[in-house]
Amino acid sequence: MGANSIDSQLGRGGLVRLLYRLGHQQASGILSLTAPGVREVFALRRGGIVVHDELAKRTQIARLARLAALAGLTASFEGGVSSYPPGAQHVVSLATWARGHAEAQLDNSLAEQLVRELAGMRLSIRAELAPAPADEADRRMIAAMAQPRRLDQIWPLARTPRFRLLAFLHFLRSVDVLEVEGIVAERSAPNRLRSRDPAREAAARLLGVDDHTDVEAIKRAYRRIARSLHPDLQPDADAERRRSLERSFAEVTAAYELLA
């Protein structure tokens, strides 16, 4: 989508996608948004809405949220037009707003739905529309998706809380920046972002880890426990003690194999 001239009817989620692109392209010009009984005009400068002060900034953010919820919204943008309010000193970054708005929509129910829909698919970011990283966690997530990977492969590389990663993925999908390849994951591959699994939760408790702990941490926990339970490492144990150790060792090993 070019940012010089736009005149289109926006469907569901269309405003968030449009504003992200205008922000990403550092567009300047006049954006008009209309719906039945509504007309809003925004002056853009280098990908942001120009405002006078912080109070006006908060007001514009609220206006965008209301507009994003409207049906039948029409957008018109004329690029290259320099028409900024006198004395304007602040901008509302459109790319930042689009991300914040999209991520705020994610709740636990939607997060689990996202996991179900994306599990087994290979995900990557459209390089030409990749968001600018806001912090180190962003850089890790973006780097993890520089090439197509499954959720269970992205999460340990991103090293970020599960919900934050899912919020980021939801944002990328909302602005049509997430590339999804329909390749089913190997049946044996772990999926640490899957929906609640009682068997995995029980295995995690046995190893003293979280169900979503990364593979290396699971290996360390298993090795630590295995050393204390392996019958061969306790030569002085009597027959009854050895049988108890063997049972416990087998249970811990089965838990490790399920998680890793």
C-alpha atoms as a PDB file:
ATOM      1  CA  MET A   1       0.000   0.000   0.000  1.00  0.00           C
ATOM      2  CA  GLY A   2       1.454   3.360  -0.999  1.00  0.00           C
ATOM      3  CA  ALA A   3       1.138   6.303   1.354  1.00  0.00           C
ATOM      4  CA  ASN A   4       0.746   9.079  -1.246  1.00  0.00           C
ATOM      5  CA  SER A   5      -3.004   8.776  -1.757  1.00  0.00           C
ATOM      6  CA  ILE A   6      -5.606   6.488  -0.202  1.00  0.00           C
ATOM      7  CA  ASP A   7      -9.364   6.386  -0.569  1.00  0.00           C
ATOM      8  CA  SER A   8     -10.933   3.172   0.632  1.00  0.00           C
ATOM      9  CA  GLN A   9     -13.651   1.508   2.675  1.00  0.00           C
ATOM     10  CA  LEU A  10     -12.180  -0.158   5.748  1.00  0.00           C
ATOM     11  CA  GLY A  11     -13.363  -3.568   6.852  1.00  0.00           C
ATOM     12  CA  ARG A  12     -13.001  -5.156  10.268  1.00  0.00           C
ATOM     13  CA  GLY A  13      -9.604  -4.264  11.730  1.00  0.00           C
ATOM     14  CA  GLY A  14      -8.843  -2.133   8.685  1.00  0.00           C
ATOM     15  CA  LEU A  15      -8.125   1.077  10.581  1.00  0.00           C
ATOM     16  CA  VAL A  16      -5.462  -0.563  12.752  1.00  0.00           C
ATOM     17  CA  ARG A  17      -3.746  -1.991   9.656  1.00  0.00           C
ATOM     18  CA  LEU A  18      -3.943   1.333   7.831  1.00  0.00           C
ATOM     19  CA  LEU A  19      -2.560   3.368  10.723  1.00  0.00           C
ATOM     20  CA  TYR A  20       0.274   0.907  11.277  1.00  0.00           C
ATOM     21  CA  ARG A  21       1.339   1.221   7.650  1.00  0.00           C
ATOM     22  CA  LEU A  22       1.119   5.005   7.654  1.00  0.00           C
ATOM     23  CA  GLY A  23       3.205   5.029  10.808  1.00  0.00           C
ATOM     24  CA  HIS A  24       5.711   2.504   9.496  1.00  0.00           C
ATOM     25  CA  GLN A  25       6.118   4.466   6.258  1.00  0.00           C
ATOM     26  CA  GLN A  26       6.620   7.720   8.201  1.00  0.00           C
ATOM     27  CA  ALA A  27       3.797   9.249   6.169  1.00  0.00           C
ATOM     28  CA  SER A  28       3.010  12.987   6.235  1.00  0.00           C
ATOM     29  CA  GLY A  29      -0.253  14.471   5.018  1.00  0.00           C
ATOM     30  CA  ILE A  30      -3.942  14.705   5.850  1.00  0.00           C
ATOM     31  CA  LEU A  31      -5.962  11.663   6.961  1.00  0.00           C
ATOM     32  CA  SER A  32      -9.763  11.857   6.929  1.00  0.00           C
ATOM     33  CA  LEU A  33     -11.918   9.159   8.536  1.00  0.00           C
ATOM     34  CA  THR A  34     -15.661   9.135   8.032  1.00  0.00           C
ATOM     35  CA  ALA A  35     -18.585   6.978   9.077  1.00  0.00           C
ATOM     36  CA  PRO A  36     -22.327   7.689   9.302  1.00  0.00           C
ATOM     37  CA  GLY A  37     -22.548  10.801  11.470  1.00  0.00           C
ATOM     38  CA  VAL A  38     -18.788  10.951  12.027  1.00  0.00           C
ATOM     39  CA  ARG A  39     -15.957  12.843  10.356  1.00  0.00           C
ATOM     40  CA  GLU A  40     -12.459  13.115  11.825  1.00  0.00           C
ATOM     41  CA  VAL A  41      -9.455  14.809  10.223  1.00  0.00           C
ATOM     42  CA  PHE A  42      -5.857  14.282  11.356  1.00  0.00           C
ATOM     43  CA  ALA A  43      -2.667  16.055  10.332  1.00  0.00           C
ATOM     44  CA  LEU A  44       0.195  13.571  10.061  1.00  0.00           C
ATOM     45  CA  ARG A  45       3.892  14.291  10.230  1.00  0.00           C
ATOM     46  CA  ARG A  46       6.460  11.521   9.756  1.00  0.00           C
ATOM     47  CA  GLY A  47       4.088   8.763  10.825  1.00  0.00           C
ATOM     48  CA  GLY A  48       2.396  10.519  13.734  1.00  0.00           C
ATOM     49  CA  ILE A  49      -0.666  12.652  14.445  1.00  0.00           C
ATOM     50  CA  VAL A  50       0.408  16.176  15.288  1.00  0.00           C
ATOM     51  CA  VAL A  51      -0.962  17.553  18.580  1.00  0.00           C
ATOM     52  CA  HIS A  52      -0.336  20.538  20.839  1.00  0.00           C
ATOM     53  CA  ASP A  53       0.355  18.898  24.192  1.00  0.00           C
ATOM     54  CA  GLU A  54       0.110  15.720  26.270  1.00  0.00           C
ATOM     55  CA  LEU A  55      -3.585  16.288  27.041  1.00  0.00           C
ATOM     56  CA  ALA A  56      -4.369  16.534  23.330  1.00  0.00           C
ATOM     57  CA  LYS A  57      -2.247  13.434  22.786  1.00  0.00           C
ATOM     58  CA  ARG A  58      -4.396  11.409  25.193  1.00  0.00           C
ATOM     59  CA  THR A  59      -7.533  12.778  23.548  1.00  0.00           C
ATOM     60  CA  GLN A  60      -6.364  11.693  20.100  1.00  0.00           C
ATOM     61  CA  ILE A  61      -5.527   8.208  21.349  1.00  0.00           C
ATOM     62  CA  ALA A  62      -9.061   7.874  22.730  1.00  0.00           C
ATOM     63  CA  ARG A  63     -10.522   9.147  19.433  1.00  0.00           C
ATOM     64  CA  LEU A  64      -8.590   6.530  17.465  1.00  0.00           C
ATOM     65  CA  ALA A  65      -9.847   3.757  19.758  1.00  0.00           C
ATOM     66  CA  ARG A  66     -13.462   4.878  19.219  1.00  0.00           C
ATOM     67  CA  LEU A  67     -12.972   5.047  15.459  1.00  0.00           C
ATOM     68  CA  ALA A  68     -11.401   1.574  15.377  1.00  0.00           C
ATOM     69  CA  ALA A  69     -14.622   0.161  16.840  1.00  0.00           C
ATOM     70  CA  LEU A  70     -16.856   1.703  14.157  1.00  0.00           C
ATOM     71  CA  ALA A  71     -18.317  -0.221  11.229  1.00  0.00           C
ATOM     72  CA  GLY A  72     -18.524   1.281   7.757  1.00  0.00           C
ATOM     73  CA  LEU A  73     -15.471   3.488   8.187  1.00  0.00           C
ATOM     74  CA  THR A  74     -14.017   5.187   5.102  1.00  0.00           C
ATOM     75  CA  ALA A  75     -10.437   6.458   4.991  1.00  0.00           C
ATOM     76  CA  SER A  76      -9.009   9.146   2.745  1.00  0.00           C
ATOM     77  CA  PHE A  77      -5.363  10.158   2.877  1.00  0.00           C
ATOM     78  CA  GLU A  78      -3.581  12.824   0.867  1.00  0.00           C
ATOM     79  CA  GLY A  79       0.152  12.502   1.256  1.00  0.00           C
ATOM     80  CA  GLY A  80       2.704  15.264   1.144  1.00  0.00           C
ATOM     81  CA  VAL A  81       0.312  17.930   2.428  1.00  0.00           C
ATOM     82  CA  SER A  82       1.913  20.151   5.080  1.00  0.00           C
ATOM     83  CA  SER A  83      -0.939  21.318   7.269  1.00  0.00           C
ATOM     84  CA  TYR A  84      -0.005  21.146  10.949  1.00  0.00           C
ATOM     85  CA  PRO A  85      -1.805  22.918  13.808  1.00  0.00           C
ATOM     86  CA  PRO A  86       0.004  26.108  14.907  1.00  0.00           C
ATOM     87  CA  GLY A  87       2.253  25.520  17.879  1.00  0.00           C
ATOM     88  CA  ALA A  88       2.084  21.736  17.596  1.00  0.00           C
ATOM     89  CA  GLN A  89       4.926  20.149  19.546  1.00  0.00           C
ATOM     90  CA  HIS A  90       3.896  16.504  20.021  1.00  0.00           C
ATOM     91  CA  VAL A  91       2.935  13.521  17.883  1.00  0.00           C
ATOM     92  CA  VAL A  92       0.936  10.359  18.470  1.00  0.00           C
ATOM     93  CA  SER A  93       2.996   7.645  16.799  1.00  0.00           C
ATOM     94  CA  LEU A  94       0.588   5.664  14.626  1.00  0.00           C
ATOM     95  CA  ALA A  95       2.717   2.497  14.627  1.00  0.00           C
ATOM     96  CA  THR A  96       2.985   2.606  18.411  1.00  0.00           C
ATOM     97  CA  TRP A  97      -0.742   3.247  18.773  1.00  0.00           C
ATOM     98  CA  ALA A  98      -1.608   0.345  16.452  1.00  0.00           C
ATOM     99  CA  ARG A  99       0.544  -2.035  18.464  1.00  0.00           C
ATOM    100  CA  GLY A 100      -0.794  -0.887  21.810  1.00  0.00           C
ATOM    101  CA  HIS A 101      -4.390  -1.067  20.624  1.00  0.00           C
ATOM    102  CA  ALA A 102      -3.988  -4.551  19.134  1.00  0.00           C
ATOM    103  CA  GLU A 103      -2.147  -5.990  22.128  1.00  0.00           C
ATOM    104  CA  ALA A 104      -4.718  -4.551  24.544  1.00  0.00           C
ATOM    105  CA  GLN A 105      -7.409  -6.667  22.856  1.00  0.00           C
ATOM    106  CA  LEU A 106      -5.727  -9.923  23.895  1.00  0.00           C
ATOM    107  CA  ASP A 107      -7.179 -11.694  26.917  1.00  0.00           C
ATOM    108  CA  ASN A 108      -6.633 -15.246  28.175  1.00  0.00           C
ATOM    109  CA  SER A 109      -9.425 -16.689  26.054  1.00  0.00           C
ATOM    110  CA  LEU A 110      -8.162 -15.059  22.868  1.00  0.00           C
ATOM    111  CA  ALA A 111      -4.594 -16.064  23.744  1.00  0.00           C
ATOM    112  CA  GLU A 112      -5.552 -19.740  23.940  1.00  0.00           C
ATOM    113  CA  GLN A 113      -7.467 -19.431  20.680  1.00  0.00           C
ATOM    114  CA  LEU A 114      -4.382 -17.904  19.070  1.00  0.00           C
ATOM    115  CA  VAL A 115      -2.272 -20.823  20.278  1.00  0.00           C
ATOM    116  CA  ARG A 116      -4.709 -23.346  18.824  1.00  0.00           C
ATOM    117  CA  GLU A 117      -4.801 -21.556  15.484  1.00  0.00           C
ATOM    118  CA  LEU A 118      -1.041 -21.119  15.140  1.00  0.00           C
ATOM    119  CA  ALA A 119       0.231 -24.338  16.719  1.00  0.00           C
ATOM    120  CA  GLY A 120       2.105 -26.390  14.138  1.00  0.00           C
ATOM    121  CA  MET A 121       2.382 -23.474  11.707  1.00  0.00           C
ATOM    122  CA  ARG A 122       5.665 -21.816  10.789  1.00  0.00           C
ATOM    123  CA  LEU A 123       5.679 -18.112  11.563  1.00  0.00           C
ATOM    124  CA  SER A 124       7.848 -15.249  10.381  1.00  0.00           C
ATOM    125  CA  ILE A 125       7.698 -11.455  10.100  1.00  0.00           C
ATOM    126  CA  ARG A 126       7.315  -9.651   6.792  1.00  0.00           C
ATOM    127  CA  ALA A 127      10.713  -7.980   6.706  1.00  0.00           C
ATOM    128  CA  GLU A 128       9.541  -4.881   4.853  1.00  0.00           C
ATOM    129  CA  LEU A 129       6.933  -4.171   7.548  1.00  0.00           C
ATOM    130  CA  ALA A 130       8.765  -5.367  10.655  1.00  0.00           C
ATOM    131  CA  PRO A 131       8.124  -3.133  13.687  1.00  0.00           C
ATOM    132  CA  ALA A 132      10.952  -1.160  15.237  1.00  0.00           C
ATOM    133  CA  PRO A 133      11.988  -2.918  18.477  1.00  0.00           C
ATOM    134  CA  ALA A 134      11.033  -1.062  21.634  1.00  0.00           C
ATOM    135  CA  ASP A 135      13.393  -3.014  23.910  1.00  0.00           C
ATOM    136  CA  GLU A 136      15.652  -6.057  24.115  1.00  0.00           C
ATOM    137  CA  ALA A 137      12.710  -8.462  24.389  1.00  0.00           C
ATOM    138  CA  ASP A 138      11.350  -7.055  21.128  1.00  0.00           C
ATOM    139  CA  ARG A 139      14.706  -7.592  19.464  1.00  0.00           C
ATOM    140  CA  ARG A 140      14.760 -11.223  20.566  1.00  0.00           C
ATOM    141  CA  MET A 141      11.211 -11.865  19.352  1.00  0.00           C
ATOM    142  CA  ILE A 142      11.870 -10.221  15.989  1.00  0.00           C
ATOM    143  CA  ALA A 143      15.153 -12.097  15.569  1.00  0.00           C
ATOM    144  CA  ALA A 144      13.444 -15.389  16.430  1.00  0.00           C
ATOM    145  CA  MET A 145      10.984 -14.794  13.589  1.00  0.00           C
ATOM    146  CA  ALA A 146      13.515 -13.648  11.022  1.00  0.00           C
ATOM    147  CA  GLN A 147      12.997 -17.075   9.471  1.00  0.00           C
ATOM    148  CA  PRO A 148       9.940 -19.350   9.621  1.00  0.00           C
ATOM    149  CA  ARG A 149       9.689 -21.173  12.958  1.00  0.00           C
ATOM    150  CA  ARG A 150       6.984 -22.872  15.004  1.00  0.00           C
ATOM    151  CA  LEU A 151       5.689 -21.430  18.254  1.00  0.00           C
ATOM    152  CA  ASP A 152       7.580 -24.013  20.296  1.00  0.00           C
ATOM    153  CA  GLN A 153      10.796 -22.972  18.532  1.00  0.00           C
ATOM    154  CA  ILE A 154      10.186 -19.210  18.829  1.00  0.00           C
ATOM    155  CA  TRP A 155       9.423 -19.144  22.550  1.00  0.00           C
ATOM    156  CA  PRO A 156      12.788 -20.374  23.910  1.00  0.00           C
ATOM    157  CA  LEU A 157      14.625 -18.072  21.497  1.00  0.00           C
ATOM    158  CA  ALA A 158      12.505 -15.059  22.464  1.00  0.00           C
ATOM    159  CA  ARG A 159      13.057 -15.673  26.208  1.00  0.00           C
ATOM    160  CA  THR A 160      10.051 -13.583  27.120  1.00  0.00           C
ATOM    161  CA  PRO A 161       6.878 -14.266  29.125  1.00  0.00           C
ATOM    162  CA  ARG A 162       4.335 -16.379  27.279  1.00  0.00           C
ATOM    163  CA  PHE A 163       1.576 -13.758  27.291  1.00  0.00           C
ATOM    164  CA  ARG A 164       3.897 -11.032  25.987  1.00  0.00           C
ATOM    165  CA  LEU A 165       4.943 -13.214  23.067  1.00  0.00           C
ATOM    166  CA  LEU A 166       1.317 -14.037  22.277  1.00  0.00           C
ATOM    167  CA  ALA A 167       0.365 -10.345  22.485  1.00  0.00           C
ATOM    168  CA  PHE A 168       3.161  -9.538  20.032  1.00  0.00           C
ATOM    169  CA  LEU A 169       1.986 -12.272  17.656  1.00  0.00           C
ATOM    170  CA  HIS A 170      -1.589 -11.010  17.933  1.00  0.00           C
ATOM    171  CA  PHE A 171      -0.404  -7.514  17.022  1.00  0.00           C
ATOM    172  CA  LEU A 172       1.595  -8.787  14.040  1.00  0.00           C
ATOM    173  CA  ARG A 173      -1.394 -10.725  12.772  1.00  0.00           C
ATOM    174  CA  SER A 174      -3.755  -7.777  13.342  1.00  0.00           C
ATOM    175  CA  VAL A 175      -1.650  -5.519  11.103  1.00  0.00           C
ATOM    176  CA  ASP A 176      -1.018  -8.274   8.531  1.00  0.00           C
ATOM    177  CA  VAL A 177       2.725  -8.461   9.185  1.00  0.00           C
ATOM    178  CA  LEU A 178       2.747 -12.100  10.340  1.00  0.00           C
ATOM    179  CA  GLU A 179       3.616 -14.635   7.641  1.00  0.00           C
ATOM    180  CA  VAL A 180       2.045 -18.047   8.296  1.00  0.00           C
ATOM    181  CA  GLU A 181       3.126 -21.175   6.476  1.00  0.00           C
ATOM    182  CA  GLY A 182       0.778 -24.145   6.723  1.00  0.00           C
ATOM    183  CA  ILE A 183       3.334 -26.796   7.616  1.00  0.00           C
ATOM    184  CA  VAL A 184       2.219 -29.170  10.352  1.00  0.00           C
ATOM    185  CA  ALA A 185       4.702 -29.597  13.177  1.00  0.00           C
ATOM    186  CA  GLU A 186       6.243 -32.995  13.811  1.00  0.00           C
ATOM    187  CA  ARG A 187       4.060 -35.064  16.111  1.00  0.00           C
ATOM    188  CA  SER A 188       6.964 -35.627  18.483  1.00  0.00           C
ATOM    189  CA  ALA A 189       7.890 -31.957  18.746  1.00  0.00           C
ATOM    190  CA  PRO A 190       7.062 -30.218  22.032  1.00  0.00           C
ATOM    191  CA  ASN A 191       4.621 -27.342  21.932  1.00  0.00           C
ATOM    192  CA  ARG A 192       5.190 -25.250  25.005  1.00  0.00           C
ATOM    193  CA  LEU A 193       2.545 -22.752  24.038  1.00  0.00           C
ATOM    194  CA  ARG A 194      -0.273 -25.241  23.681  1.00  0.00           C
ATOM    195  CA  SER A 195      -3.530 -25.151  25.604  1.00  0.00           C
ATOM    196  CA  ARG A 196      -3.744 -26.574  29.136  1.00  0.00           C
ATOM    197  CA  ASP A 197      -2.548 -30.193  29.263  1.00  0.00           C
ATOM    198  CA  PRO A 198      -2.984 -31.973  32.646  1.00  0.00           C
ATOM    199  CA  ALA A 199      -0.386 -34.647  31.796  1.00  0.00           C
ATOM    200  CA  ARG A 200       2.258 -32.035  30.972  1.00  0.00           C
ATOM    201  CA  GLU A 201       1.381 -30.065  34.091  1.00  0.00           C
ATOM    202  CA  ALA A 202       1.813 -33.172  36.256  1.00  0.00           C
ATOM    203  CA  ALA A 203       5.150 -33.923  34.576  1.00  0.00           C
ATOM    204  CA  ALA A 204       6.301 -30.345  35.162  1.00  0.00           C
ATOM    205  CA  ARG A 205       5.392 -30.547  38.852  1.00  0.00           C
ATOM    206  CA  LEU A 206       7.372 -33.781  39.180  1.00  0.00           C
ATOM    207  CA  LEU A 207      10.467 -32.070  37.757  1.00  0.00           C
ATOM    208  CA  GLY A 208       9.850 -28.886  39.704  1.00  0.00           C
ATOM    209  CA  VAL A 209       9.541 -26.702  36.594  1.00  0.00           C
ATOM    210  CA  ASP A 210       6.821 -24.757  34.815  1.00  0.00           C
ATOM    211  CA  ASP A 211       4.932 -26.333  31.900  1.00  0.00           C
ATOM    212  CA  HIS A 212       6.294 -23.570  29.661  1.00  0.00           C
ATOM    213  CA  THR A 213       9.924 -23.726  30.837  1.00  0.00           C
ATOM    214  CA  ASP A 214      12.441 -23.882  28.002  1.00  0.00           C
ATOM    215  CA  VAL A 215      14.104 -27.165  27.016  1.00  0.00           C
ATOM    216  CA  GLU A 216      17.504 -26.401  28.531  1.00  0.00           C
ATOM    217  CA  ALA A 217      16.001 -25.626  31.933  1.00  0.00           C
ATOM    218  CA  ILE A 218      14.003 -28.873  31.793  1.00  0.00           C
ATOM    219  CA  LYS A 219      17.193 -30.806  30.991  1.00  0.00           C
ATOM    220  CA  ARG A 220      18.997 -29.235  33.948  1.00  0.00           C
ATOM    221  CA  ALA A 221      16.144 -30.076  36.314  1.00  0.00           C
ATOM    222  CA  TYR A 222      16.004 -33.653  35.053  1.00  0.00           C
ATOM    223  CA  ARG A 223      19.753 -34.215  35.406  1.00  0.00           C
ATOM    224  CA  ARG A 224      19.743 -32.829  38.931  1.00  0.00           C
ATOM    225  CA  ILE A 225      16.912 -35.122  40.036  1.00  0.00           C
ATOM    226  CA  ALA A 226      18.205 -38.114  38.077  1.00  0.00           C
ATOM    227  CA  ARG A 227      21.552 -37.988  39.895  1.00  0.00           C
ATOM    228  CA  SER A 228      19.771 -38.287  43.228  1.00  0.00           C
ATOM    229  CA  LEU A 229      17.553 -41.178  42.089  1.00  0.00           C
ATOM    230  CA  HIS A 230      19.694 -43.305  39.795  1.00  0.00           C
ATOM    231  CA  PRO A 231      20.124 -46.718  41.509  1.00  0.00           C
ATOM    232  CA  ASP A 232      23.654 -47.171  40.157  1.00  0.00           C
ATOM    233  CA  LEU A 233      24.781 -44.028  41.969  1.00  0.00           C
ATOM    234  CA  GLN A 234      23.670 -45.457  45.312  1.00  0.00           C
ATOM    235  CA  PRO A 235      25.548 -48.776  45.591  1.00  0.00           C
ATOM    236  CA  ASP A 236      24.897 -49.080  49.335  1.00  0.00           C
ATOM    237  CA  ALA A 237      21.081 -49.085  48.923  1.00  0.00           C
ATOM    238  CA  ASP A 238      19.353 -52.350  49.916  1.00  0.00           C
ATOM    239  CA  ALA A 239      17.024 -54.230  47.540  1.00  0.00           C
ATOM    240  CA  GLU A 240      13.848 -52.474  48.684  1.00  0.00           C
ATOM    241  CA  ARG A 241      15.485 -49.044  48.412  1.00  0.00           C
ATOM    242  CA  ARG A 242      16.795 -49.876  44.930  1.00  0.00           C
ATOM    243  CA  ARG A 243      13.298 -50.873  43.754  1.00  0.00           C
ATOM    244  CA  SER A 244      11.924 -47.586  45.091  1.00  0.00           C
ATOM    245  CA  LEU A 245      14.692 -45.638  43.351  1.00  0.00           C
ATOM    246  CA  GLU A 246      14.055 -47.476  40.078  1.00  0.00           C
ATOM    247  CA  ARG A 247      10.342 -46.609  40.193  1.00  0.00           C
ATOM    248  CA  SER A 248      11.027 -42.956  40.958  1.00  0.00           C
ATOM    249  CA  PHE A 249      13.763 -42.765  38.318  1.00  0.00           C
ATOM    250  CA  ALA A 250      11.403 -44.240  35.710  1.00  0.00           C
ATOM    251  CA  GLU A 251       8.679 -41.707  36.608  1.00  0.00           C
ATOM    252  CA  VAL A 252      11.091 -38.764  36.373  1.00  0.00           C
ATOM    253  CA  THR A 253      12.466 -40.033  33.072  1.00  0.00           C
ATOM    254  CA  ALA A 254       8.955 -40.408  31.636  1.00  0.00           C
ATOM    255  CA  ALA A 255       8.133 -36.857  32.761  1.00  0.00           C
ATOM    256  CA  TYR A 256      11.285 -35.525  31.113  1.00  0.00           C
ATOM    257  CA  GLU A 257      10.527 -37.336  27.839  1.00  0.00           C
ATOM    258  CA  LEU A 258       7.005 -35.893  27.807  1.00  0.00           C
ATOM    259  CA  LEU A 259       8.214 -32.324  28.312  1.00  0.00           C
ATOM    260  CA  ALA A 260      11.370 -32.361  26.240  1.00  0.00           C
END
